């Protein structure tokens, strides 16, 4: 019953605020500035995520951004789950961290698209789910060379994968984690609305297209 009901509302509110502030840390901006690579918001798409950081030509900075953006979601979820012994608290902290990445208070609520943070959340919440969603992303990327399409398909697949009857690896997931996967997937699709438009028009650039040109 404790896990279903979760901590008191005041505690959950504090968990949400803490998760949001952690998720709001704009690692892409901080890392590129510290490395003397400029403000990533003035480069490429202007996005603060790892994909745009890669456009600085610094793979090391992009990798660091990827890991830190994934890590902040994972850390928020794991700390809340450990402190309160509740999947509800973990899901709320993770969801709040995801919102923080998308709408960071430090950057006027203009953040990233949440893909790395999404995968970090899934791995922390239920690692088999995170690995399967990640594998889905990789398959689409290698087959079609569209990073955005891979993110859309992987995020849409995650809630379905979460329901698989694989008790040996902890699936299906608890209800709060299922809700978290749906919540984050919906936001990823919303944040990719411009990419969706370009995909429908056949104008979305493929990975490596610029180099080939």
N, C-alpha and C. Protein backbone atom coordinates (compact mmCIF):
# COMPACT_ATOMS: atom_id res chain seq x y z
N UNK A 1 0.83 -1.21 0.00
CA UNK A 1 0.00 0.00 0.00
C UNK A 1 0.87 1.26 0.00
N UNK A 2 1.98 1.21 0.75
CA UNK A 2 2.87 2.37 0.80
C UNK A 2 3.37 2.74 -0.59
N UNK A 3 3.74 1.71 -1.39
CA UNK A 3 4.29 2.01 -2.70
C UNK A 3 3.22 2.54 -3.65
N UNK A 4 1.97 2.08 -3.45
CA UNK A 4 0.89 2.53 -4.31
C UNK A 4 0.50 3.97 -3.98
N UNK A 5 0.41 4.26 -2.69
CA UNK A 5 0.00 5.60 -2.27
C UNK A 5 1.16 6.57 -2.35
N UNK A 6 2.34 6.10 -1.91
CA UNK A 6 3.52 6.93 -1.95
C UNK A 6 3.59 7.88 -0.77
N UNK A 7 4.62 8.72 -0.72
CA UNK A 7 4.79 9.68 0.36
C UNK A 7 3.69 10.74 0.35
N UNK A 8 3.69 11.56 1.40
CA UNK A 8 2.70 12.63 1.52
C UNK A 8 2.87 13.64 0.38
N UNK A 9 1.80 14.37 0.12
CA UNK A 9 1.81 15.32 -0.99
C UNK A 9 2.91 16.37 -0.86
N UNK A 10 3.14 16.84 0.37
CA UNK A 10 4.19 17.83 0.57
C UNK A 10 5.55 17.28 0.20
N UNK A 11 5.78 16.03 0.56
CA UNK A 11 7.05 15.39 0.22
C UNK A 11 7.18 15.23 -1.28
N UNK A 12 6.10 14.82 -1.93
CA UNK A 12 6.14 14.64 -3.38
C UNK A 12 6.38 15.97 -4.09
N UNK A 13 5.82 17.04 -3.53
CA UNK A 13 6.06 18.36 -4.12
C UNK A 13 7.53 18.74 -4.03
N UNK A 14 8.14 18.45 -2.88
CA UNK A 14 9.56 18.73 -2.70
C UNK A 14 10.40 17.88 -3.65
N UNK A 15 10.00 16.62 -3.82
CA UNK A 15 10.68 15.72 -4.75
C UNK A 15 10.61 16.28 -6.17
N UNK A 16 9.43 16.78 -6.54
CA UNK A 16 9.24 17.33 -7.88
C UNK A 16 10.12 18.56 -8.10
N UNK A 17 10.17 19.43 -7.11
CA UNK A 17 10.99 20.65 -7.24
C UNK A 17 12.47 20.28 -7.36
N UNK A 18 12.91 19.36 -6.51
CA UNK A 18 14.31 18.93 -6.57
C UNK A 18 14.65 18.30 -7.91
N UNK A 19 13.76 17.44 -8.39
CA UNK A 19 13.99 16.81 -9.69
C UNK A 19 14.03 17.82 -10.81
N UNK A 20 13.12 18.78 -10.76
CA UNK A 20 13.08 19.81 -11.80
C UNK A 20 14.37 20.63 -11.83
N UNK A 21 14.84 21.05 -10.66
CA UNK A 21 16.05 21.87 -10.60
C UNK A 21 17.26 21.09 -11.10
N UNK A 22 17.33 19.80 -10.76
CA UNK A 22 18.43 18.98 -11.26
C UNK A 22 18.34 18.84 -12.77
N UNK A 23 17.14 18.58 -13.27
CA UNK A 23 16.97 18.44 -14.71
C UNK A 23 17.22 19.73 -15.47
N UNK A 24 17.08 20.85 -14.79
CA UNK A 24 17.26 22.16 -15.44
C UNK A 24 18.71 22.52 -15.70
N UNK A 25 19.64 21.78 -15.11
CA UNK A 25 21.06 22.10 -15.32
C UNK A 25 21.39 21.93 -16.81
N UNK A 26 21.77 23.00 -17.51
CA UNK A 26 22.01 22.93 -18.96
C UNK A 26 23.44 22.50 -19.28
N UNK A 27 23.70 21.22 -19.15
CA UNK A 27 25.07 20.74 -19.31
C UNK A 27 25.66 21.08 -20.68
N UNK A 28 24.84 21.02 -21.72
CA UNK A 28 25.36 21.34 -23.05
C UNK A 28 25.92 22.75 -23.13
N UNK A 29 25.22 23.69 -22.52
CA UNK A 29 25.67 25.09 -22.51
C UNK A 29 26.92 25.23 -21.65
N UNK A 30 26.88 24.65 -20.46
CA UNK A 30 28.00 24.79 -19.53
C UNK A 30 29.27 24.16 -20.08
N UNK A 31 29.15 22.98 -20.68
CA UNK A 31 30.32 22.26 -21.18
C UNK A 31 30.95 22.98 -22.37
N UNK A 32 30.14 23.42 -23.32
CA UNK A 32 30.71 24.10 -24.49
C UNK A 32 31.36 25.43 -24.11
N UNK A 33 30.75 26.13 -23.18
CA UNK A 33 31.35 27.39 -22.73
C UNK A 33 32.67 27.14 -22.02
N UNK A 34 32.68 26.16 -21.12
CA UNK A 34 33.88 25.87 -20.36
C UNK A 34 35.03 25.42 -21.26
N UNK A 35 34.68 24.75 -22.36
CA UNK A 35 35.71 24.25 -23.28
C UNK A 35 36.11 25.29 -24.32
N UNK A 36 35.51 26.47 -24.26
CA UNK A 36 35.84 27.51 -25.22
C UNK A 36 35.25 27.28 -26.59
N UNK A 37 34.18 26.48 -26.66
CA UNK A 37 33.55 26.17 -27.94
C UNK A 37 32.38 27.09 -28.24
N UNK A 38 32.18 28.10 -27.41
CA UNK A 38 31.09 29.04 -27.63
C UNK A 38 29.80 28.59 -26.97
N UNK A 39 28.74 29.31 -27.25
CA UNK A 39 27.42 29.00 -26.71
C UNK A 39 26.69 28.11 -27.71
N UNK A 40 26.39 26.89 -27.32
CA UNK A 40 25.78 25.92 -28.23
C UNK A 40 24.43 26.41 -28.76
N UNK A 41 23.82 27.34 -28.05
CA UNK A 41 22.54 27.88 -28.51
C UNK A 41 22.68 28.74 -29.76
N UNK A 42 23.93 29.13 -30.06
CA UNK A 42 24.19 29.93 -31.26
C UNK A 42 24.77 29.08 -32.39
N UNK A 43 24.70 27.77 -32.23
CA UNK A 43 25.28 26.84 -33.20
C UNK A 43 24.18 25.92 -33.73
N UNK A 44 24.24 25.62 -35.00
CA UNK A 44 23.33 24.63 -35.58
C UNK A 44 21.87 24.94 -35.33
N UNK A 45 21.18 23.96 -34.70
CA UNK A 45 19.75 24.11 -34.43
C UNK A 45 19.47 25.00 -33.23
N UNK A 46 20.52 25.31 -32.45
CA UNK A 46 20.32 26.09 -31.24
C UNK A 46 19.90 25.26 -30.05
N UNK A 47 19.76 23.96 -30.26
CA UNK A 47 19.36 23.06 -29.18
C UNK A 47 20.52 22.85 -28.21
N UNK A 48 20.21 22.57 -26.95
CA UNK A 48 21.27 22.42 -25.95
C UNK A 48 21.69 20.97 -25.75
N UNK A 49 21.15 20.05 -26.54
CA UNK A 49 21.44 18.63 -26.36
C UNK A 49 22.71 18.18 -27.05
N UNK A 50 23.03 16.88 -26.87
CA UNK A 50 24.28 16.32 -27.37
C UNK A 50 24.38 16.37 -28.89
N UNK A 51 23.27 16.16 -29.59
CA UNK A 51 23.32 16.17 -31.06
C UNK A 51 23.80 17.51 -31.58
N UNK A 52 23.33 18.59 -30.98
CA UNK A 52 23.76 19.91 -31.43
C UNK A 52 25.17 20.24 -30.94
N UNK A 53 25.51 19.77 -29.75
CA UNK A 53 26.88 19.97 -29.26
C UNK A 53 27.88 19.32 -30.22
N UNK A 54 27.49 18.20 -30.83
CA UNK A 54 28.36 17.52 -31.79
C UNK A 54 28.69 18.42 -32.98
N UNK A 55 27.82 19.36 -33.27
CA UNK A 55 28.04 20.28 -34.39
C UNK A 55 29.17 21.27 -34.12
N UNK A 56 29.67 21.30 -32.89
CA UNK A 56 30.85 22.11 -32.61
C UNK A 56 32.11 21.43 -33.14
N UNK A 57 31.97 20.16 -33.54
CA UNK A 57 33.12 19.40 -33.99
C UNK A 57 33.84 18.69 -32.87
N UNK A 58 33.31 18.77 -31.67
CA UNK A 58 33.94 18.16 -30.50
C UNK A 58 33.14 16.95 -30.03
N UNK A 59 33.57 15.77 -30.45
CA UNK A 59 32.87 14.55 -30.06
C UNK A 59 32.94 14.32 -28.55
N UNK A 60 34.05 14.74 -27.94
CA UNK A 60 34.19 14.55 -26.51
C UNK A 60 33.17 15.37 -25.74
N UNK A 61 32.92 16.59 -26.21
CA UNK A 61 31.93 17.44 -25.54
C UNK A 61 30.52 16.88 -25.74
N UNK A 62 30.26 16.35 -26.92
CA UNK A 62 28.95 15.77 -27.20
C UNK A 62 28.71 14.55 -26.32
N UNK A 63 29.74 13.71 -26.17
CA UNK A 63 29.60 12.52 -25.33
C UNK A 63 29.38 12.90 -23.87
N UNK A 64 30.13 13.90 -23.40
CA UNK A 64 29.95 14.35 -22.02
C UNK A 64 28.55 14.90 -21.81
N UNK A 65 28.05 15.65 -22.77
CA UNK A 65 26.68 16.19 -22.67
C UNK A 65 25.66 15.07 -22.65
N UNK A 66 25.85 14.08 -23.52
CA UNK A 66 24.94 12.94 -23.59
C UNK A 66 24.86 12.22 -22.24
N UNK A 67 26.03 11.93 -21.67
CA UNK A 67 26.07 11.18 -20.41
C UNK A 67 25.49 11.99 -19.26
N UNK A 68 25.79 13.27 -19.21
CA UNK A 68 25.30 14.10 -18.11
C UNK A 68 23.80 14.36 -18.23
N UNK A 69 23.31 14.55 -19.45
CA UNK A 69 21.87 14.75 -19.63
C UNK A 69 21.10 13.48 -19.28
N UNK A 70 21.66 12.33 -19.65
CA UNK A 70 21.03 11.07 -19.26
C UNK A 70 21.14 10.86 -17.76
N UNK A 71 22.30 11.21 -17.23
CA UNK A 71 22.55 10.97 -15.81
C UNK A 71 21.68 11.78 -14.88
N UNK A 72 21.35 13.01 -15.26
CA UNK A 72 20.57 13.83 -14.33
C UNK A 72 19.16 13.28 -14.14
N UNK A 73 18.59 12.71 -15.19
CA UNK A 73 17.29 12.07 -15.04
C UNK A 73 17.38 10.82 -14.19
N UNK A 74 18.41 10.02 -14.46
CA UNK A 74 18.60 8.78 -13.72
C UNK A 74 18.84 9.06 -12.24
N UNK A 75 19.69 10.04 -11.95
CA UNK A 75 20.02 10.37 -10.55
C UNK A 75 18.78 10.85 -9.80
N UNK A 76 18.00 11.71 -10.43
CA UNK A 76 16.78 12.21 -9.77
C UNK A 76 15.85 11.07 -9.41
N UNK A 77 15.63 10.16 -10.35
CA UNK A 77 14.74 9.03 -10.10
C UNK A 77 15.28 8.11 -9.01
N UNK A 78 16.56 7.77 -9.11
CA UNK A 78 17.15 6.81 -8.18
C UNK A 78 17.20 7.35 -6.76
N UNK A 79 17.55 8.63 -6.61
CA UNK A 79 17.62 9.22 -5.27
C UNK A 79 16.24 9.23 -4.61
N UNK A 80 15.23 9.66 -5.36
CA UNK A 80 13.88 9.71 -4.80
C UNK A 80 13.37 8.32 -4.45
N UNK A 81 13.64 7.37 -5.32
CA UNK A 81 13.20 5.99 -5.06
C UNK A 81 13.90 5.43 -3.82
N UNK A 82 15.20 5.71 -3.69
CA UNK A 82 15.96 5.19 -2.55
C UNK A 82 15.53 5.86 -1.25
N UNK A 83 15.32 7.17 -1.28
CA UNK A 83 14.97 7.90 -0.06
C UNK A 83 13.60 7.52 0.48
N UNK A 84 12.65 7.32 -0.43
CA UNK A 84 11.26 7.12 -0.01
C UNK A 84 10.74 5.71 -0.26
N UNK A 85 11.56 4.87 -0.88
CA UNK A 85 11.15 3.50 -1.12
C UNK A 85 9.88 3.41 -1.93
N UNK A 86 9.71 4.32 -2.88
CA UNK A 86 8.45 4.43 -3.61
C UNK A 86 8.69 4.65 -5.09
N UNK A 87 8.03 3.84 -5.91
CA UNK A 87 8.09 4.04 -7.36
C UNK A 87 7.38 5.35 -7.74
N UNK A 88 6.39 5.72 -6.95
CA UNK A 88 5.68 6.98 -7.21
C UNK A 88 6.65 8.15 -7.08
N UNK A 89 7.40 8.19 -5.99
CA UNK A 89 8.37 9.27 -5.78
C UNK A 89 9.42 9.28 -6.88
N UNK A 90 9.91 8.09 -7.24
CA UNK A 90 10.90 8.00 -8.30
C UNK A 90 10.37 8.52 -9.62
N UNK A 91 9.14 8.13 -9.96
CA UNK A 91 8.55 8.56 -11.23
C UNK A 91 8.32 10.06 -11.25
N UNK A 92 7.88 10.62 -10.13
CA UNK A 92 7.64 12.06 -10.06
C UNK A 92 8.96 12.83 -10.18
N UNK A 93 9.98 12.38 -9.48
CA UNK A 93 11.28 13.05 -9.57
C UNK A 93 11.83 12.95 -10.98
N UNK A 94 11.71 11.77 -11.59
CA UNK A 94 12.20 11.59 -12.95
C UNK A 94 11.43 12.43 -13.95
N UNK A 95 10.11 12.44 -13.82
CA UNK A 95 9.30 13.25 -14.72
C UNK A 95 9.60 14.73 -14.57
N UNK A 96 9.83 15.17 -13.34
CA UNK A 96 10.15 16.58 -13.09
C UNK A 96 11.52 16.93 -13.68
N UNK A 97 12.48 16.00 -13.56
CA UNK A 97 13.79 16.24 -14.15
C UNK A 97 13.69 16.35 -15.67
N UNK A 98 12.83 15.53 -16.25
CA UNK A 98 12.60 15.58 -17.69
C UNK A 98 12.03 16.94 -18.10
N UNK A 99 11.06 17.41 -17.34
CA UNK A 99 10.49 18.74 -17.59
C UNK A 99 11.55 19.83 -17.43
N UNK A 100 12.43 19.64 -16.44
CA UNK A 100 13.50 20.61 -16.22
C UNK A 100 14.42 20.71 -17.42
N UNK A 101 14.71 19.56 -18.04
CA UNK A 101 15.58 19.59 -19.22
C UNK A 101 14.89 20.27 -20.39
N UNK A 102 13.61 20.02 -20.56
CA UNK A 102 12.86 20.62 -21.66
C UNK A 102 12.61 22.11 -21.45
N UNK A 103 12.36 22.47 -20.19
CA UNK A 103 12.00 23.85 -19.87
C UNK A 103 12.84 24.35 -18.68
N UNK A 104 14.15 24.53 -18.87
CA UNK A 104 15.03 24.93 -17.76
C UNK A 104 14.83 26.37 -17.33
N UNK A 105 14.65 26.56 -16.04
CA UNK A 105 14.42 27.90 -15.52
C UNK A 105 15.61 28.81 -15.79
N UNK A 106 16.82 28.24 -15.82
CA UNK A 106 18.03 29.05 -15.99
C UNK A 106 18.15 29.61 -17.41
N UNK A 107 17.45 29.03 -18.37
CA UNK A 107 17.57 29.45 -19.77
C UNK A 107 16.26 30.01 -20.32
N UNK A 108 15.45 30.58 -19.44
CA UNK A 108 14.18 31.14 -19.90
C UNK A 108 13.22 30.08 -20.39
N UNK A 109 13.34 28.87 -19.83
CA UNK A 109 12.44 27.75 -20.15
C UNK A 109 12.59 27.27 -21.60
N UNK A 110 13.76 27.51 -22.20
CA UNK A 110 14.03 27.03 -23.55
C UNK A 110 15.14 25.98 -23.48
N UNK A 111 14.75 24.72 -23.50
CA UNK A 111 15.71 23.65 -23.32
C UNK A 111 15.81 22.70 -24.49
N UNK A 112 16.17 21.45 -24.17
CA UNK A 112 16.39 20.45 -25.20
C UNK A 112 15.13 19.65 -25.53
N UNK A 113 15.35 18.56 -26.26
CA UNK A 113 14.22 17.73 -26.69
C UNK A 113 14.05 16.49 -25.81
N UNK A 114 15.01 16.25 -24.93
CA UNK A 114 14.82 15.26 -23.89
C UNK A 114 15.17 13.83 -24.20
N UNK A 115 15.78 13.56 -25.35
CA UNK A 115 16.01 12.17 -25.73
C UNK A 115 17.01 11.48 -24.79
N UNK A 116 18.15 12.12 -24.53
CA UNK A 116 19.14 11.52 -23.64
C UNK A 116 18.58 11.34 -22.23
N UNK A 117 17.88 12.35 -21.74
CA UNK A 117 17.29 12.26 -20.40
C UNK A 117 16.24 11.16 -20.35
N UNK A 118 15.50 10.99 -21.42
CA UNK A 118 14.50 9.93 -21.54
C UNK A 118 15.15 8.56 -21.36
N UNK A 119 16.24 8.31 -22.07
CA UNK A 119 16.90 7.02 -21.96
C UNK A 119 17.52 6.82 -20.58
N UNK A 120 18.05 7.89 -20.00
CA UNK A 120 18.58 7.79 -18.65
C UNK A 120 17.51 7.40 -17.65
N UNK A 121 16.33 7.99 -17.81
CA UNK A 121 15.20 7.66 -16.93
C UNK A 121 14.81 6.19 -17.07
N UNK A 122 14.71 5.72 -18.31
CA UNK A 122 14.29 4.34 -18.52
C UNK A 122 15.29 3.35 -17.94
N UNK A 123 16.56 3.61 -18.14
CA UNK A 123 17.58 2.70 -17.61
C UNK A 123 17.55 2.66 -16.10
N UNK A 124 17.35 3.83 -15.47
CA UNK A 124 17.28 3.88 -14.01
C UNK A 124 16.00 3.24 -13.49
N UNK A 125 14.91 3.43 -14.20
CA UNK A 125 13.62 2.91 -13.75
C UNK A 125 13.53 1.41 -13.91
N UNK A 126 13.98 0.91 -15.06
CA UNK A 126 13.92 -0.52 -15.36
C UNK A 126 14.92 -0.77 -16.49
N UNK A 127 16.13 -1.21 -16.13
CA UNK A 127 17.19 -1.26 -17.13
C UNK A 127 16.86 -2.11 -18.36
N UNK A 128 16.11 -3.22 -18.24
CA UNK A 128 15.77 -3.96 -19.47
C UNK A 128 14.94 -3.10 -20.44
N UNK A 129 14.05 -2.30 -19.88
CA UNK A 129 13.24 -1.41 -20.70
C UNK A 129 14.12 -0.38 -21.39
N UNK A 130 15.06 0.19 -20.64
CA UNK A 130 15.97 1.17 -21.22
C UNK A 130 16.82 0.59 -22.34
N UNK A 131 17.30 -0.65 -22.13
CA UNK A 131 18.13 -1.29 -23.15
C UNK A 131 17.32 -1.61 -24.41
N UNK A 132 16.09 -2.06 -24.24
CA UNK A 132 15.27 -2.38 -25.41
C UNK A 132 14.90 -1.12 -26.18
N UNK A 133 14.59 -0.06 -25.46
CA UNK A 133 14.28 1.21 -26.14
C UNK A 133 15.52 1.75 -26.85
N UNK A 134 16.67 1.61 -26.20
CA UNK A 134 17.92 2.04 -26.82
C UNK A 134 18.24 1.23 -28.06
N UNK A 135 18.00 -0.08 -27.99
CA UNK A 135 18.23 -0.93 -29.16
C UNK A 135 17.30 -0.54 -30.31
N UNK A 136 16.07 -0.18 -29.96
CA UNK A 136 15.13 0.28 -30.99
C UNK A 136 15.65 1.53 -31.67
N UNK A 137 16.18 2.45 -30.89
CA UNK A 137 16.75 3.68 -31.44
C UNK A 137 17.90 3.36 -32.39
N UNK A 138 18.79 2.47 -31.96
CA UNK A 138 19.95 2.13 -32.78
C UNK A 138 19.55 1.47 -34.09
N UNK A 139 18.57 0.57 -34.03
CA UNK A 139 18.12 -0.12 -35.24
C UNK A 139 17.59 0.87 -36.27
N UNK A 140 16.77 1.82 -35.81
CA UNK A 140 16.21 2.81 -36.72
C UNK A 140 17.30 3.72 -37.28
N UNK A 141 18.24 4.11 -36.44
CA UNK A 141 19.33 4.98 -36.89
C UNK A 141 20.16 4.29 -37.96
N UNK A 142 20.54 3.05 -37.71
CA UNK A 142 21.38 2.34 -38.68
C UNK A 142 20.62 2.01 -39.96
N UNK A 143 19.32 1.75 -39.83
CA UNK A 143 18.53 1.37 -41.00
C UNK A 143 18.14 2.57 -41.85
N UNK A 144 17.75 3.67 -41.20
CA UNK A 144 17.19 4.81 -41.93
C UNK A 144 18.01 6.09 -41.82
N UNK A 145 18.92 6.15 -40.85
CA UNK A 145 19.80 7.30 -40.65
C UNK A 145 19.05 8.59 -40.34
N UNK A 146 17.97 8.46 -39.60
CA UNK A 146 17.24 9.62 -39.09
C UNK A 146 17.26 9.58 -37.57
N UNK A 147 18.01 10.48 -36.95
CA UNK A 147 18.07 10.51 -35.49
C UNK A 147 16.71 10.86 -34.89
N UNK A 148 16.03 11.82 -35.50
CA UNK A 148 14.74 12.25 -34.96
C UNK A 148 13.70 11.14 -35.06
N UNK A 149 13.66 10.45 -36.19
CA UNK A 149 12.71 9.36 -36.36
C UNK A 149 13.00 8.23 -35.38
N UNK A 150 14.28 7.98 -35.14
CA UNK A 150 14.66 6.95 -34.18
C UNK A 150 14.15 7.30 -32.79
N UNK A 151 14.27 8.58 -32.42
CA UNK A 151 13.79 9.02 -31.11
C UNK A 151 12.28 8.88 -31.01
N UNK A 152 11.58 9.23 -32.07
CA UNK A 152 10.12 9.14 -32.07
C UNK A 152 9.66 7.69 -31.95
N UNK A 153 10.27 6.81 -32.71
CA UNK A 153 9.86 5.40 -32.67
C UNK A 153 10.23 4.76 -31.34
N UNK A 154 11.44 5.03 -30.84
CA UNK A 154 11.86 4.45 -29.57
C UNK A 154 10.99 4.92 -28.41
N UNK A 155 10.64 6.20 -28.42
CA UNK A 155 9.81 6.73 -27.33
C UNK A 155 8.40 6.16 -27.40
N UNK A 156 7.87 6.00 -28.61
CA UNK A 156 6.54 5.43 -28.77
C UNK A 156 6.52 3.95 -28.39
N UNK A 157 7.64 3.28 -28.64
CA UNK A 157 7.71 1.84 -28.35
C UNK A 157 7.87 1.57 -26.86
N UNK A 158 8.47 2.51 -26.13
CA UNK A 158 8.80 2.27 -24.72
C UNK A 158 7.59 1.85 -23.87
N UNK A 159 6.46 2.55 -23.93
CA UNK A 159 5.32 2.11 -23.12
C UNK A 159 4.82 0.72 -23.48
N UNK A 160 4.94 0.35 -24.75
CA UNK A 160 4.53 -0.99 -25.17
C UNK A 160 5.52 -2.04 -24.66
N UNK A 161 6.80 -1.73 -24.76
CA UNK A 161 7.83 -2.63 -24.24
C UNK A 161 7.70 -2.80 -22.73
N UNK A 162 7.26 -1.74 -22.06
CA UNK A 162 7.12 -1.77 -20.60
C UNK A 162 6.07 -2.77 -20.15
N UNK A 163 5.18 -3.16 -21.05
CA UNK A 163 4.09 -4.08 -20.71
C UNK A 163 4.42 -5.53 -21.01
N UNK A 164 5.59 -5.78 -21.57
CA UNK A 164 5.95 -7.16 -21.92
C UNK A 164 5.97 -8.04 -20.67
N UNK A 165 5.40 -9.23 -20.75
CA UNK A 165 5.36 -10.14 -19.59
C UNK A 165 6.67 -10.91 -19.41
N UNK A 166 7.71 -10.20 -19.02
CA UNK A 166 9.03 -10.81 -18.83
C UNK A 166 9.43 -10.65 -17.37
N UNK A 167 8.83 -11.42 -16.51
CA UNK A 167 9.06 -11.28 -15.07
C UNK A 167 10.51 -11.53 -14.68
N UNK A 168 11.22 -12.32 -15.46
CA UNK A 168 12.61 -12.64 -15.12
C UNK A 168 13.51 -11.41 -15.17
N UNK A 169 13.10 -10.38 -15.92
CA UNK A 169 13.89 -9.15 -15.99
C UNK A 169 13.11 -7.95 -15.48
N UNK A 170 12.09 -8.20 -14.67
CA UNK A 170 11.36 -7.12 -14.03
C UNK A 170 10.29 -6.45 -14.86
N UNK A 171 9.84 -7.11 -15.90
CA UNK A 171 8.75 -6.58 -16.72
C UNK A 171 7.51 -7.45 -16.56
N UNK A 172 6.32 -6.88 -16.66
CA UNK A 172 6.03 -5.47 -16.93
C UNK A 172 6.41 -4.58 -15.75
N UNK A 173 6.59 -3.31 -16.01
CA UNK A 173 7.02 -2.37 -14.98
C UNK A 173 5.84 -1.98 -14.09
N UNK A 174 6.18 -1.36 -12.95
CA UNK A 174 5.14 -0.85 -12.05
C UNK A 174 4.37 0.28 -12.73
N UNK A 175 3.14 0.47 -12.31
CA UNK A 175 2.27 1.47 -12.93
C UNK A 175 2.88 2.87 -12.98
N UNK A 176 3.54 3.36 -11.91
CA UNK A 176 4.12 4.71 -11.99
C UNK A 176 5.17 4.84 -13.10
N UNK A 177 5.93 3.78 -13.33
CA UNK A 177 6.96 3.81 -14.37
C UNK A 177 6.32 3.77 -15.75
N UNK A 178 5.25 3.03 -15.88
CA UNK A 178 4.52 3.00 -17.14
C UNK A 178 3.98 4.40 -17.47
N UNK A 179 3.40 5.04 -16.46
CA UNK A 179 2.89 6.40 -16.65
C UNK A 179 4.03 7.34 -17.04
N UNK A 180 5.18 7.18 -16.39
CA UNK A 180 6.34 8.01 -16.71
C UNK A 180 6.77 7.82 -18.16
N UNK A 181 6.77 6.58 -18.64
CA UNK A 181 7.18 6.31 -20.02
C UNK A 181 6.21 6.95 -21.01
N UNK A 182 4.92 6.92 -20.70
CA UNK A 182 3.93 7.55 -21.58
C UNK A 182 4.09 9.07 -21.56
N UNK A 183 4.24 9.62 -20.36
CA UNK A 183 4.38 11.07 -20.18
C UNK A 183 5.58 11.61 -20.96
N UNK A 184 6.73 10.96 -20.82
CA UNK A 184 7.93 11.43 -21.50
C UNK A 184 7.83 11.23 -23.01
N UNK A 185 7.21 10.13 -23.43
CA UNK A 185 7.06 9.88 -24.87
C UNK A 185 6.21 10.96 -25.52
N UNK A 186 5.12 11.33 -24.88
CA UNK A 186 4.24 12.37 -25.42
C UNK A 186 5.00 13.69 -25.57
N UNK A 187 5.78 14.03 -24.55
CA UNK A 187 6.54 15.29 -24.60
C UNK A 187 7.62 15.25 -25.68
N UNK A 188 8.25 14.09 -25.86
CA UNK A 188 9.25 13.97 -26.92
C UNK A 188 8.62 14.21 -28.29
N UNK A 189 7.44 13.66 -28.50
CA UNK A 189 6.75 13.88 -29.77
C UNK A 189 6.38 15.35 -29.95
N UNK A 190 5.94 15.99 -28.88
CA UNK A 190 5.60 17.41 -28.96
C UNK A 190 6.84 18.25 -29.29
N UNK A 191 7.95 17.93 -28.62
CA UNK A 191 9.18 18.70 -28.84
C UNK A 191 9.78 18.45 -30.22
N UNK A 192 9.40 17.35 -30.86
CA UNK A 192 9.91 17.04 -32.19
C UNK A 192 8.93 17.44 -33.29
N UNK A 193 8.01 18.35 -32.99
CA UNK A 193 6.98 18.67 -34.00
C UNK A 193 7.58 19.22 -35.29
N UNK A 194 8.65 19.99 -35.17
CA UNK A 194 9.28 20.52 -36.39
C UNK A 194 9.93 19.39 -37.18
N UNK A 195 10.57 18.46 -36.48
CA UNK A 195 11.18 17.31 -37.15
C UNK A 195 10.12 16.47 -37.85
N UNK A 196 8.98 16.30 -37.19
CA UNK A 196 7.89 15.52 -37.78
C UNK A 196 7.42 16.17 -39.08
N UNK A 197 7.31 17.49 -39.06
CA UNK A 197 6.92 18.21 -40.27
C UNK A 197 7.91 17.99 -41.41
N UNK A 198 9.20 18.05 -41.08
CA UNK A 198 10.22 17.84 -42.12
C UNK A 198 10.23 16.40 -42.61
N UNK A 199 10.01 15.45 -41.70
CA UNK A 199 9.95 14.05 -42.10
C UNK A 199 8.81 13.81 -43.08
N UNK A 200 7.67 14.41 -42.81
CA UNK A 200 6.51 14.24 -43.68
C UNK A 200 6.74 14.86 -45.06
N UNK A 201 7.56 15.91 -45.09
CA UNK A 201 7.86 16.58 -46.36
C UNK A 201 9.08 15.98 -47.06
N UNK A 202 9.75 15.04 -46.39
CA UNK A 202 10.96 14.48 -46.96
C UNK A 202 12.14 15.42 -46.88
N UNK A 203 12.07 16.38 -45.96
CA UNK A 203 13.11 17.40 -45.86
C UNK A 203 14.00 17.24 -44.63
N UNK A 204 13.76 16.22 -43.84
CA UNK A 204 14.58 16.01 -42.64
C UNK A 204 15.95 15.47 -43.04
N UNK A 205 17.04 16.13 -42.61
CA UNK A 205 18.37 15.66 -42.98
C UNK A 205 18.72 14.33 -42.31
N UNK A 206 19.34 13.47 -43.07
CA UNK A 206 19.80 12.19 -42.52
C UNK A 206 21.15 12.36 -41.84
N UNK A 207 21.47 11.46 -40.96
CA UNK A 207 22.77 11.47 -40.31
C UNK A 207 23.85 11.27 -41.37
N UNK A 208 24.83 12.15 -41.38
CA UNK A 208 25.91 12.05 -42.35
C UNK A 208 25.63 12.68 -43.69
N UNK A 209 24.44 13.23 -43.87
CA UNK A 209 24.08 13.80 -45.17
C UNK A 209 24.97 14.98 -45.54
N UNK A 210 25.28 15.82 -44.55
CA UNK A 210 26.09 17.02 -44.82
C UNK A 210 27.48 16.64 -45.32
N UNK A 211 28.03 15.59 -44.71
CA UNK A 211 29.37 15.16 -45.10
C UNK A 211 29.37 14.61 -46.52
N UNK A 212 28.29 13.90 -46.88
CA UNK A 212 28.22 13.31 -48.20
C UNK A 212 28.08 14.39 -49.26
N UNK A 213 27.39 15.46 -48.90
CA UNK A 213 27.22 16.55 -49.86
C UNK A 213 28.55 17.25 -50.10
